PDB file of all heavy atoms in Angstrom:
ATOM      1  N   GLU A   1      -2.140  -6.203   3.026  1.00  0.00           N
ATOM      2  CA  GLU A   1      -1.707  -7.633   3.708  1.00  0.00           C
ATOM      3  C   GLU A   1      -0.283  -8.092   3.339  1.00  0.00           C
ATOM      4  O   GLU A   1       0.407  -8.394   4.192  1.00  0.00           O
ATOM      5  CB  GLU A   1      -2.714  -8.696   3.171  1.00  0.00           C
ATOM      6  CG  GLU A   1      -2.412  -9.996   3.889  1.00  0.00           C
ATOM      7  CD  GLU A   1      -3.358 -11.108   3.257  1.00  0.00           C
ATOM      8  OE1 GLU A   1      -4.724 -10.800   3.159  1.00  0.00           O
ATOM      9  OE2 GLU A   1      -2.935 -12.286   3.144  1.00  0.00           O
ATOM     10  N   LYS A   2       0.071  -7.983   2.072  1.00  0.00           N
ATOM     11  CA  LYS A   2       1.494  -8.476   1.575  1.00  0.00           C
ATOM     12  C   LYS A   2       2.368  -7.375   2.017  1.00  0.00           C
ATOM     13  O   LYS A   2       3.602  -7.846   2.413  1.00  0.00           O
ATOM     14  CB  LYS A   2       1.473  -8.349   0.103  1.00  0.00           C
ATOM     15  CG  LYS A   2       0.564  -9.618  -0.499  1.00  0.00           C
ATOM     16  CD  LYS A   2       1.033 -10.946  -0.122  1.00  0.00           C
ATOM     17  CE  LYS A   2       0.317 -12.039  -0.750  1.00  0.00           C
ATOM     18  NZ  LYS A   2       0.840 -13.518  -0.347  1.00  0.00           N
ATOM     19  N   PHE A   3       2.015  -6.206   2.192  1.00  0.00           N
ATOM     20  CA  PHE A   3       2.970  -5.158   2.681  1.00  0.00           C
ATOM     21  C   PHE A   3       3.317  -5.419   4.102  1.00  0.00           C
ATOM     22  O   PHE A   3       4.502  -5.462   4.501  1.00  0.00           O
ATOM     23  CB  PHE A   3       2.383  -3.668   2.603  1.00  0.00           C
ATOM     24  CG  PHE A   3       3.263  -2.678   3.276  1.00  0.00           C
ATOM     25  CD1 PHE A   3       4.388  -2.177   2.596  1.00  0.00           C
ATOM     26  CD2 PHE A   3       2.975  -2.235   4.478  1.00  0.00           C
ATOM     27  CE1 PHE A   3       5.237  -1.222   3.187  1.00  0.00           C
ATOM     28  CE2 PHE A   3       3.743  -1.260   5.165  1.00  0.00           C
ATOM     29  CZ  PHE A   3       4.932  -0.887   4.616  1.00  0.00           C
ATOM     30  N   ARG A   4       2.397  -5.666   4.924  1.00  0.00           N
ATOM     31  CA  ARG A   4       2.690  -6.112   6.314  1.00  0.00           C
ATOM     32  C   ARG A   4       3.425  -7.352   6.530  1.00  0.00           C
ATOM     33  O   ARG A   4       4.158  -7.518   7.343  1.00  0.00           O
ATOM     34  CB  ARG A   4       1.351  -6.148   7.089  1.00  0.00           C
ATOM     35  CG  ARG A   4       0.613  -4.599   7.222  1.00  0.00           C
ATOM     36  CD  ARG A   4      -0.725  -4.684   7.735  1.00  0.00           C
ATOM     37  NE  ARG A   4      -1.265  -3.397   8.106  1.00  0.00           N
ATOM     38  CZ  ARG A   4      -2.435  -3.154   8.296  1.00  0.00           C
ATOM     39  NH1 ARG A   4      -3.391  -4.084   8.390  1.00  0.00           N
ATOM     40  NH2 ARG A   4      -2.752  -1.862   8.651  1.00  0.00           N
ATOM     41  N   ALA A   5       3.122  -8.247   5.655  1.00  0.00           N
ATOM     42  CA  ALA A   5       3.718  -9.637   5.803  1.00  0.00           C
ATOM     43  C   ALA A   5       5.152  -9.753   5.269  1.00  0.00           C
ATOM     44  O   ALA A   5       5.958 -10.347   5.883  1.00  0.00           O
ATOM     45  CB  ALA A   5       2.814 -10.684   5.144  1.00  0.00           C
ATOM     46  N   ARG A   6       5.323  -9.002   4.119  1.00  0.00           N
ATOM     47  CA  ARG A   6       6.648  -9.194   3.410  1.00  0.00           C
ATOM     48  C   ARG A   6       7.583  -8.089   3.630  1.00  0.00           C
ATOM     49  O   ARG A   6       8.833  -8.205   3.352  1.00  0.00           O
ATOM     50  CB  ARG A   6       6.353  -9.285   1.880  1.00  0.00           C
ATOM     51  CG  ARG A   6       5.528 -10.544   1.410  1.00  0.00           C
ATOM     52  CD  ARG A   6       6.226 -11.785   1.740  1.00  0.00           C
ATOM     53  NE  ARG A   6       7.569 -11.784   1.112  1.00  0.00           N
ATOM     54  CZ  ARG A   6       7.769 -12.111  -0.134  1.00  0.00           C
ATOM     55  NH1 ARG A   6       6.749 -12.522  -0.926  1.00  0.00           N
ATOM     56  NH2 ARG A   6       8.924 -12.242  -0.687  1.00  0.00           N
ATOM     57  N   LYS A   7       7.179  -6.849   4.129  1.00  0.00           N
ATOM     58  CA  LYS A   7       7.970  -5.644   4.351  1.00  0.00           C
ATOM     59  C   LYS A   7       8.934  -5.428   3.186  1.00  0.00           C
ATOM     60  O   LYS A   7      10.143  -5.547   3.138  1.00  0.00           O
ATOM     61  CB  LYS A   7       8.980  -5.966   5.672  1.00  0.00           C
ATOM     62  CG  LYS A   7       8.280  -6.437   6.828  1.00  0.00           C
ATOM     63  CD  LYS A   7       7.285  -5.215   7.313  1.00  0.00           C
ATOM     64  CE  LYS A   7       6.674  -5.792   8.602  1.00  0.00           C
ATOM     65  NZ  LYS A   7       5.720  -4.698   9.092  1.00  0.00           N
ATOM     66  N   PRO A   8       8.263  -5.034   1.927  1.00  0.00           N
ATOM     67  CA  PRO A   8       9.028  -4.703   0.817  1.00  0.00           C
ATOM     68  C   PRO A   8      10.013  -3.501   0.879  1.00  0.00           C
ATOM     69  O   PRO A   8       9.733  -2.717   1.884  1.00  0.00           O
ATOM     70  CB  PRO A   8       7.924  -4.454  -0.169  1.00  0.00           C
ATOM     71  CG  PRO A   8       6.787  -3.899   0.554  1.00  0.00           C
ATOM     72  CD  PRO A   8       6.891  -4.718   1.821  1.00  0.00           C
ATOM     73  N   ASP A   9      10.904  -3.330   0.041  1.00  0.00           N
ATOM     74  CA  ASP A   9      11.807  -2.233   0.060  1.00  0.00           C
ATOM     75  C   ASP A   9      11.215  -0.962  -0.666  1.00  0.00           C
ATOM     76  O   ASP A   9      11.729   0.093  -0.451  1.00  0.00           O
ATOM     77  CB  ASP A   9      13.125  -2.648  -0.722  1.00  0.00           C
ATOM     78  CG  ASP A   9      13.812  -3.733  -0.007  1.00  0.00           C
ATOM     79  OD1 ASP A   9      14.245  -3.528   1.212  1.00  0.00           O
ATOM     80  OD2 ASP A   9      14.025  -4.848  -0.588  1.00  0.00           O
ATOM     81  N   ILE A  10      10.297  -1.162  -1.483  1.00  0.00           N
ATOM     82  CA  ILE A  10       9.591  -0.165  -2.273  1.00  0.00           C
ATOM     83  C   ILE A  10       8.128  -0.668  -2.655  1.00  0.00           C
ATOM     84  O   ILE A  10       8.082  -1.875  -2.916  1.00  0.00           O
ATOM     85  CB  ILE A  10      10.390   0.346  -3.501  1.00  0.00           C
ATOM     86  CG1 ILE A  10       9.758   1.711  -4.026  1.00  0.00           C
ATOM     87  CG2 ILE A  10      10.633  -0.790  -4.522  1.00  0.00           C
ATOM     88  CD1 ILE A  10      10.680   2.236  -5.130  1.00  0.00           C
ATOM     89  N   ALA A  11       7.339   0.265  -2.812  1.00  0.00           N
ATOM     90  CA  ALA A  11       5.867  -0.122  -3.270  1.00  0.00           C
ATOM     91  C   ALA A  11       5.537   0.638  -4.393  1.00  0.00           C
ATOM     92  O   ALA A  11       5.769   1.944  -4.596  1.00  0.00           O
ATOM     93  CB  ALA A  11       4.899   0.186  -2.134  1.00  0.00           C
ATOM     94  N   LEU A  12       5.067  -0.007  -5.434  1.00  0.00           N
ATOM     95  CA  LEU A  12       4.349   0.578  -6.624  1.00  0.00           C
ATOM     96  C   LEU A  12       2.966   0.368  -6.616  1.00  0.00           C
ATOM     97  O   LEU A  12       2.383  -0.698  -6.637  1.00  0.00           O
ATOM     98  CB  LEU A  12       5.038   0.005  -7.939  1.00  0.00           C
ATOM     99  CG  LEU A  12       6.415  -0.192  -8.163  1.00  0.00           C
ATOM    100  CD1 LEU A  12       6.811  -0.808  -9.473  1.00  0.00           C
ATOM    101  CD2 LEU A  12       7.184   1.185  -8.195  1.00  0.00           C
ATOM    102  N   LEU A  13       2.227   1.542  -6.618  1.00  0.00           N
ATOM    103  CA  LEU A  13       0.727   1.461  -6.468  1.00  0.00           C
ATOM    104  C   LEU A  13      -0.008   2.084  -7.496  1.00  0.00           C
ATOM    105  O   LEU A  13       0.237   3.293  -7.703  1.00  0.00           O
ATOM    106  CB  LEU A  13       0.337   2.183  -4.940  1.00  0.00           C
ATOM    107  CG  LEU A  13       1.172   1.768  -3.809  1.00  0.00           C
ATOM    108  CD1 LEU A  13       0.643   2.527  -2.605  1.00  0.00           C
ATOM    109  CD2 LEU A  13       1.137   0.194  -3.598  1.00  0.00           C
ATOM    110  N   ASP A  14      -0.829   1.400  -8.179  1.00  0.00           N
ATOM    111  CA  ASP A  14      -1.646   1.929  -9.134  1.00  0.00           C
ATOM    112  C   ASP A  14      -2.875   2.715  -8.378  1.00  0.00           C
ATOM    113  O   ASP A  14      -3.286   2.226  -7.365  1.00  0.00           O
ATOM    114  CB  ASP A  14      -2.304   0.956 -10.013  1.00  0.00           C
ATOM    115  CG  ASP A  14      -3.259   1.660 -11.135  1.00  0.00           C
ATOM    116  OD1 ASP A  14      -2.824   2.542 -11.705  1.00  0.00           O
ATOM    117  OD2 ASP A  14      -4.325   1.121 -11.398  1.00  0.00           O
ATOM    118  N   VAL A  15      -3.129   3.933  -8.867  1.00  0.00           N
ATOM    119  CA  VAL A  15      -4.145   4.844  -8.257  1.00  0.00           C
ATOM    120  C   VAL A  15      -5.509   3.933  -8.158  1.00  0.00           C
ATOM    121  O   VAL A  15      -6.153   3.895  -7.150  1.00  0.00           O
ATOM    122  CB  VAL A  15      -4.290   6.124  -8.986  1.00  0.00           C
ATOM    123  CG1 VAL A  15      -5.514   6.893  -8.388  1.00  0.00           C
ATOM    124  CG2 VAL A  15      -3.033   6.887  -8.815  1.00  0.00           C
ATOM    125  N   MET A  16      -5.849   3.538  -9.312  1.00  0.00           N
ATOM    126  CA  MET A  16      -7.259   2.858  -9.396  1.00  0.00           C
ATOM    127  C   MET A  16      -7.156   1.437  -9.333  1.00  0.00           C
ATOM    128  O   MET A  16      -7.036   0.683 -10.371  1.00  0.00           O
ATOM    129  CB  MET A  16      -7.814   3.259 -10.711  1.00  0.00           C
ATOM    130  CG  MET A  16      -8.078   4.875 -10.958  1.00  0.00           C
ATOM    131  SD  MET A  16      -9.189   5.645  -9.683  1.00  0.00           S
ATOM    132  CE  MET A  16     -10.639   4.852 -10.073  1.00  0.00           C
ATOM    133  N   VAL A  17      -7.283   0.882  -8.027  1.00  0.00           N
ATOM    134  CA  VAL A  17      -7.423  -0.563  -7.891  1.00  0.00           C
ATOM    135  C   VAL A  17      -8.532  -0.742  -6.933  1.00  0.00           C
ATOM    136  O   VAL A  17      -8.973   0.006  -6.084  1.00  0.00           O
ATOM    137  CB  VAL A  17      -6.090  -1.149  -7.273  1.00  0.00           C
ATOM    138  CG1 VAL A  17      -4.903  -1.062  -8.307  1.00  0.00           C
ATOM    139  CG2 VAL A  17      -5.623  -0.327  -6.041  1.00  0.00           C
ATOM    140  N   PRO A  18      -9.045  -1.984  -7.103  1.00  0.00           N
ATOM    141  CA  PRO A  18     -10.398  -2.339  -6.237  1.00  0.00           C
ATOM    142  C   PRO A  18      -9.872  -2.611  -4.843  1.00  0.00           C
ATOM    143  O   PRO A  18      -8.654  -2.846  -4.423  1.00  0.00           O
ATOM    144  CB  PRO A  18     -10.906  -3.585  -6.940  1.00  0.00           C
ATOM    145  CG  PRO A  18      -9.731  -4.167  -7.592  1.00  0.00           C
ATOM    146  CD  PRO A  18      -8.792  -3.051  -8.017  1.00  0.00           C
ATOM    147  N   GLY A  19     -10.984  -2.712  -3.965  1.00  0.00           N
ATOM    148  CA  GLY A  19     -10.793  -3.119  -2.540  1.00  0.00           C
ATOM    149  C   GLY A  19     -10.285  -1.919  -1.746  1.00  0.00           C
ATOM    150  O   GLY A  19     -11.128  -1.394  -0.851  1.00  0.00           O
ATOM    151  N   LEU A  20      -9.196  -1.365  -1.996  1.00  0.00           N
ATOM    152  CA  LEU A  20      -8.668  -0.176  -1.265  1.00  0.00           C
ATOM    153  C   LEU A  20      -7.868   0.535  -2.326  1.00  0.00           C
ATOM    154  O   LEU A  20      -6.802  -0.013  -2.797  1.00  0.00           O
ATOM    155  CB  LEU A  20      -7.724  -0.633  -0.157  1.00  0.00           C
ATOM    156  CG  LEU A  20      -7.181   0.455   0.817  1.00  0.00           C
ATOM    157  CD1 LEU A  20      -8.236   1.201   1.559  1.00  0.00           C
ATOM    158  CD2 LEU A  20      -6.030  -0.155   1.779  1.00  0.00           C
ATOM    159  N   ASP A  21      -8.323   1.618  -2.725  1.00  0.00           N
ATOM    160  CA  ASP A  21      -7.626   2.437  -3.853  1.00  0.00           C
ATOM    161  C   ASP A  21      -6.210   2.691  -3.577  1.00  0.00           C
ATOM    162  O   ASP A  21      -5.716   2.717  -2.319  1.00  0.00           O
ATOM    163  CB  ASP A  21      -8.367   3.634  -4.219  1.00  0.00           C
ATOM    164  CG  ASP A  21      -8.359   4.750  -3.250  1.00  0.00           C
ATOM    165  OD1 ASP A  21      -7.403   5.468  -3.101  1.00  0.00           O
ATOM    166  OD2 ASP A  21      -9.386   4.829  -2.407  1.00  0.00           O
ATOM    167  N   GLY A  22      -5.386   3.033  -4.486  1.00  0.00           N
ATOM    168  CA  GLY A  22      -3.931   3.363  -4.297  1.00  0.00           C
ATOM    169  C   GLY A  22      -3.594   4.401  -3.355  1.00  0.00           C
ATOM    170  O   GLY A  22      -2.706   4.389  -2.613  1.00  0.00           O
ATOM    171  N   VAL A  23      -4.396   5.407  -3.434  1.00  0.00           N
ATOM    172  CA  VAL A  23      -4.196   6.638  -2.609  1.00  0.00           C
ATOM    173  C   VAL A  23      -4.471   6.276  -1.070  1.00  0.00           C
ATOM    174  O   VAL A  23      -3.614   6.547  -0.274  1.00  0.00           O
ATOM    175  CB  VAL A  23      -4.976   7.858  -2.940  1.00  0.00           C
ATOM    176  CG1 VAL A  23      -4.935   8.982  -1.932  1.00  0.00           C
ATOM    177  CG2 VAL A  23      -4.751   8.391  -4.392  1.00  0.00           C
ATOM    178  N   SER A  24      -5.500   5.627  -0.806  1.00  0.00           N
ATOM    179  CA  SER A  24      -5.764   5.132   0.492  1.00  0.00           C
ATOM    180  C   SER A  24      -4.784   4.175   1.109  1.00  0.00           C
ATOM    181  O   SER A  24      -4.389   4.191   2.213  1.00  0.00           O
ATOM    182  CB  SER A  24      -7.250   4.491   0.614  1.00  0.00           C
ATOM    183  OG  SER A  24      -8.237   5.375   0.185  1.00  0.00           O
ATOM    184  N   LEU A  25      -4.416   3.229   0.159  1.00  0.00           N
ATOM    185  CA  LEU A  25      -3.353   2.288   0.510  1.00  0.00           C
ATOM    186  C   LEU A  25      -2.058   2.943   0.788  1.00  0.00           C
ATOM    187  O   LEU A  25      -1.305   2.636   1.773  1.00  0.00           O
ATOM    188  CB  LEU A  25      -3.107   1.274  -0.659  1.00  0.00           C
ATOM    189  CG  LEU A  25      -1.904   0.310  -0.489  1.00  0.00           C
ATOM    190  CD1 LEU A  25      -2.140  -0.516   0.801  1.00  0.00           C
ATOM    191  CD2 LEU A  25      -1.922  -0.597  -1.676  1.00  0.00           C
ATOM    192  N   CYS A  26      -1.690   4.059   0.134  1.00  0.00           N
ATOM    193  CA  CYS A  26      -0.475   4.810   0.266  1.00  0.00           C
ATOM    194  C   CYS A  26      -0.579   5.378   1.763  1.00  0.00           C
ATOM    195  O   CYS A  26       0.525   5.429   2.610  1.00  0.00           O
ATOM    196  CB  CYS A  26      -0.256   5.977  -0.695  1.00  0.00           C
ATOM    197  SG  CYS A  26       1.247   7.005  -0.516  1.00  0.00           S
ATOM    198  N   ARG A  27      -1.687   5.932   2.046  1.00  0.00           N
ATOM    199  CA  ARG A  27      -1.870   6.636   3.404  1.00  0.00           C
ATOM    200  C   ARG A  27      -1.571   5.538   4.523  1.00  0.00           C
ATOM    201  O   ARG A  27      -0.996   5.813   5.522  1.00  0.00           O
ATOM    202  CB  ARG A  27      -3.308   7.187   3.562  1.00  0.00           C
ATOM    203  CG  ARG A  27      -3.434   8.476   2.714  1.00  0.00           C
ATOM    204  CD  ARG A  27      -4.778   9.140   3.259  1.00  0.00           C
ATOM    205  NE  ARG A  27      -5.045  10.369   2.396  1.00  0.00           N
ATOM    206  CZ  ARG A  27      -5.862  10.265   1.457  1.00  0.00           C
ATOM    207  NH1 ARG A  27      -6.651   9.208   1.165  1.00  0.00           N
ATOM    208  NH2 ARG A  27      -6.192  11.341   0.665  1.00  0.00           N
ATOM    209  N   ARG A  28      -2.188   4.356   4.257  1.00  0.00           N
ATOM    210  CA  ARG A  28      -2.112   3.221   5.229  1.00  0.00           C
ATOM    211  C   ARG A  28      -0.570   2.813   5.430  1.00  0.00           C
ATOM    212  O   ARG A  28      -0.140   2.573   6.599  1.00  0.00           O
ATOM    213  CB  ARG A  28      -3.032   2.053   4.895  1.00  0.00           C
ATOM    214  CG  ARG A  28      -4.437   2.429   4.820  1.00  0.00           C
ATOM    215  CD  ARG A  28      -5.078   2.487   6.072  1.00  0.00           C
ATOM    216  NE  ARG A  28      -5.307   1.089   6.795  1.00  0.00           N
ATOM    217  CZ  ARG A  28      -6.290   0.269   6.575  1.00  0.00           C
ATOM    218  NH1 ARG A  28      -7.232   0.644   5.746  1.00  0.00           N
ATOM    219  NH2 ARG A  28      -6.429  -0.891   7.163  1.00  0.00           N
ATOM    220  N   ILE A  29       0.028   2.762   4.370  1.00  0.00           N
ATOM    221  CA  ILE A  29       1.402   2.416   4.399  1.00  0.00           C
ATOM    222  C   ILE A  29       2.276   3.533   5.149  1.00  0.00           C
ATOM    223  O   ILE A  29       3.181   3.202   5.940  1.00  0.00           O
ATOM    224  CB  ILE A  29       2.055   2.268   2.955  1.00  0.00           C
ATOM    225  CG1 ILE A  29       1.578   0.930   2.328  1.00  0.00           C
ATOM    226  CG2 ILE A  29       3.577   2.185   2.982  1.00  0.00           C
ATOM    227  CD1 ILE A  29       1.829   0.622   0.942  1.00  0.00           C
ATOM    228  N   ARG A  30       1.920   4.754   4.741  1.00  0.00           N
ATOM    229  CA  ARG A  30       2.626   5.768   5.397  1.00  0.00           C
ATOM    230  C   ARG A  30       2.435   5.937   6.845  1.00  0.00           C
ATOM    231  O   ARG A  30       3.242   6.463   7.707  1.00  0.00           O
ATOM    232  CB  ARG A  30       2.212   7.127   4.685  1.00  0.00           C
ATOM    233  CG  ARG A  30       3.286   8.319   4.915  1.00  0.00           C
ATOM    234  CD  ARG A  30       4.614   7.945   4.613  1.00  0.00           C
ATOM    235  NE  ARG A  30       5.072   7.914   3.357  1.00  0.00           N
ATOM    236  CZ  ARG A  30       5.855   6.857   2.825  1.00  0.00           C
ATOM    237  NH1 ARG A  30       6.129   5.874   3.532  1.00  0.00           N
ATOM    238  NH2 ARG A  30       6.046   6.913   1.504  1.00  0.00           N
ATOM    239  N   ASP A  31       1.188   5.487   7.343  1.00  0.00           N
ATOM    240  CA  ASP A  31       0.925   5.526   8.787  1.00  0.00           C
ATOM    241  C   ASP A  31       1.939   4.425   9.586  1.00  0.00           C
ATOM    242  O   ASP A  31       2.016   4.663  10.773  1.00  0.00           O
ATOM    243  CB  ASP A  31      -0.468   5.121   9.057  1.00  0.00           C
ATOM    244  CG  ASP A  31      -1.528   6.217   8.678  1.00  0.00           C
ATOM    245  OD1 ASP A  31      -1.032   7.350   8.555  1.00  0.00           O
ATOM    246  OD2 ASP A  31      -2.637   5.915   8.498  1.00  0.00           O
ATOM    247  N   GLU A  32       2.392   3.489   8.736  1.00  0.00           N
ATOM    248  CA  GLU A  32       3.200   2.414   9.386  1.00  0.00           C
ATOM    249  C   GLU A  32       4.650   2.504   9.061  1.00  0.00           C
ATOM    250  O   GLU A  32       5.491   1.753   9.735  1.00  0.00           O
ATOM    251  CB  GLU A  32       2.565   1.094   8.994  1.00  0.00           C
ATOM    252  CG  GLU A  32       1.104   0.998   9.374  1.00  0.00           C
ATOM    253  CD  GLU A  32       0.504  -0.384   8.888  1.00  0.00           C
ATOM    254  OE1 GLU A  32       1.305  -1.300   8.499  1.00  0.00           O
ATOM    255  OE2 GLU A  32      -0.734  -0.592   8.892  1.00  0.00           O
ATOM    256  N   SER A  33       4.935   3.155   8.000  1.00  0.00           N
ATOM    257  CA  SER A  33       6.352   2.954   7.527  1.00  0.00           C
ATOM    258  C   SER A  33       6.752   4.095   6.664  1.00  0.00           C
ATOM    259  O   SER A  33       5.969   4.968   6.103  1.00  0.00           O
ATOM    260  CB  SER A  33       6.389   1.733   6.633  1.00  0.00           C
ATOM    261  OG  SER A  33       7.597   1.550   5.928  1.00  0.00           O
TER     262      SER A  33
END
């Protein structure tokens, strides 16, 4: 949600996070940016 709203210059993602794990979040980001 924050990625889409804030358009950061870089993302740091921990692999093991709740809700949507870091690997899945990375895929979602890469689909868009």
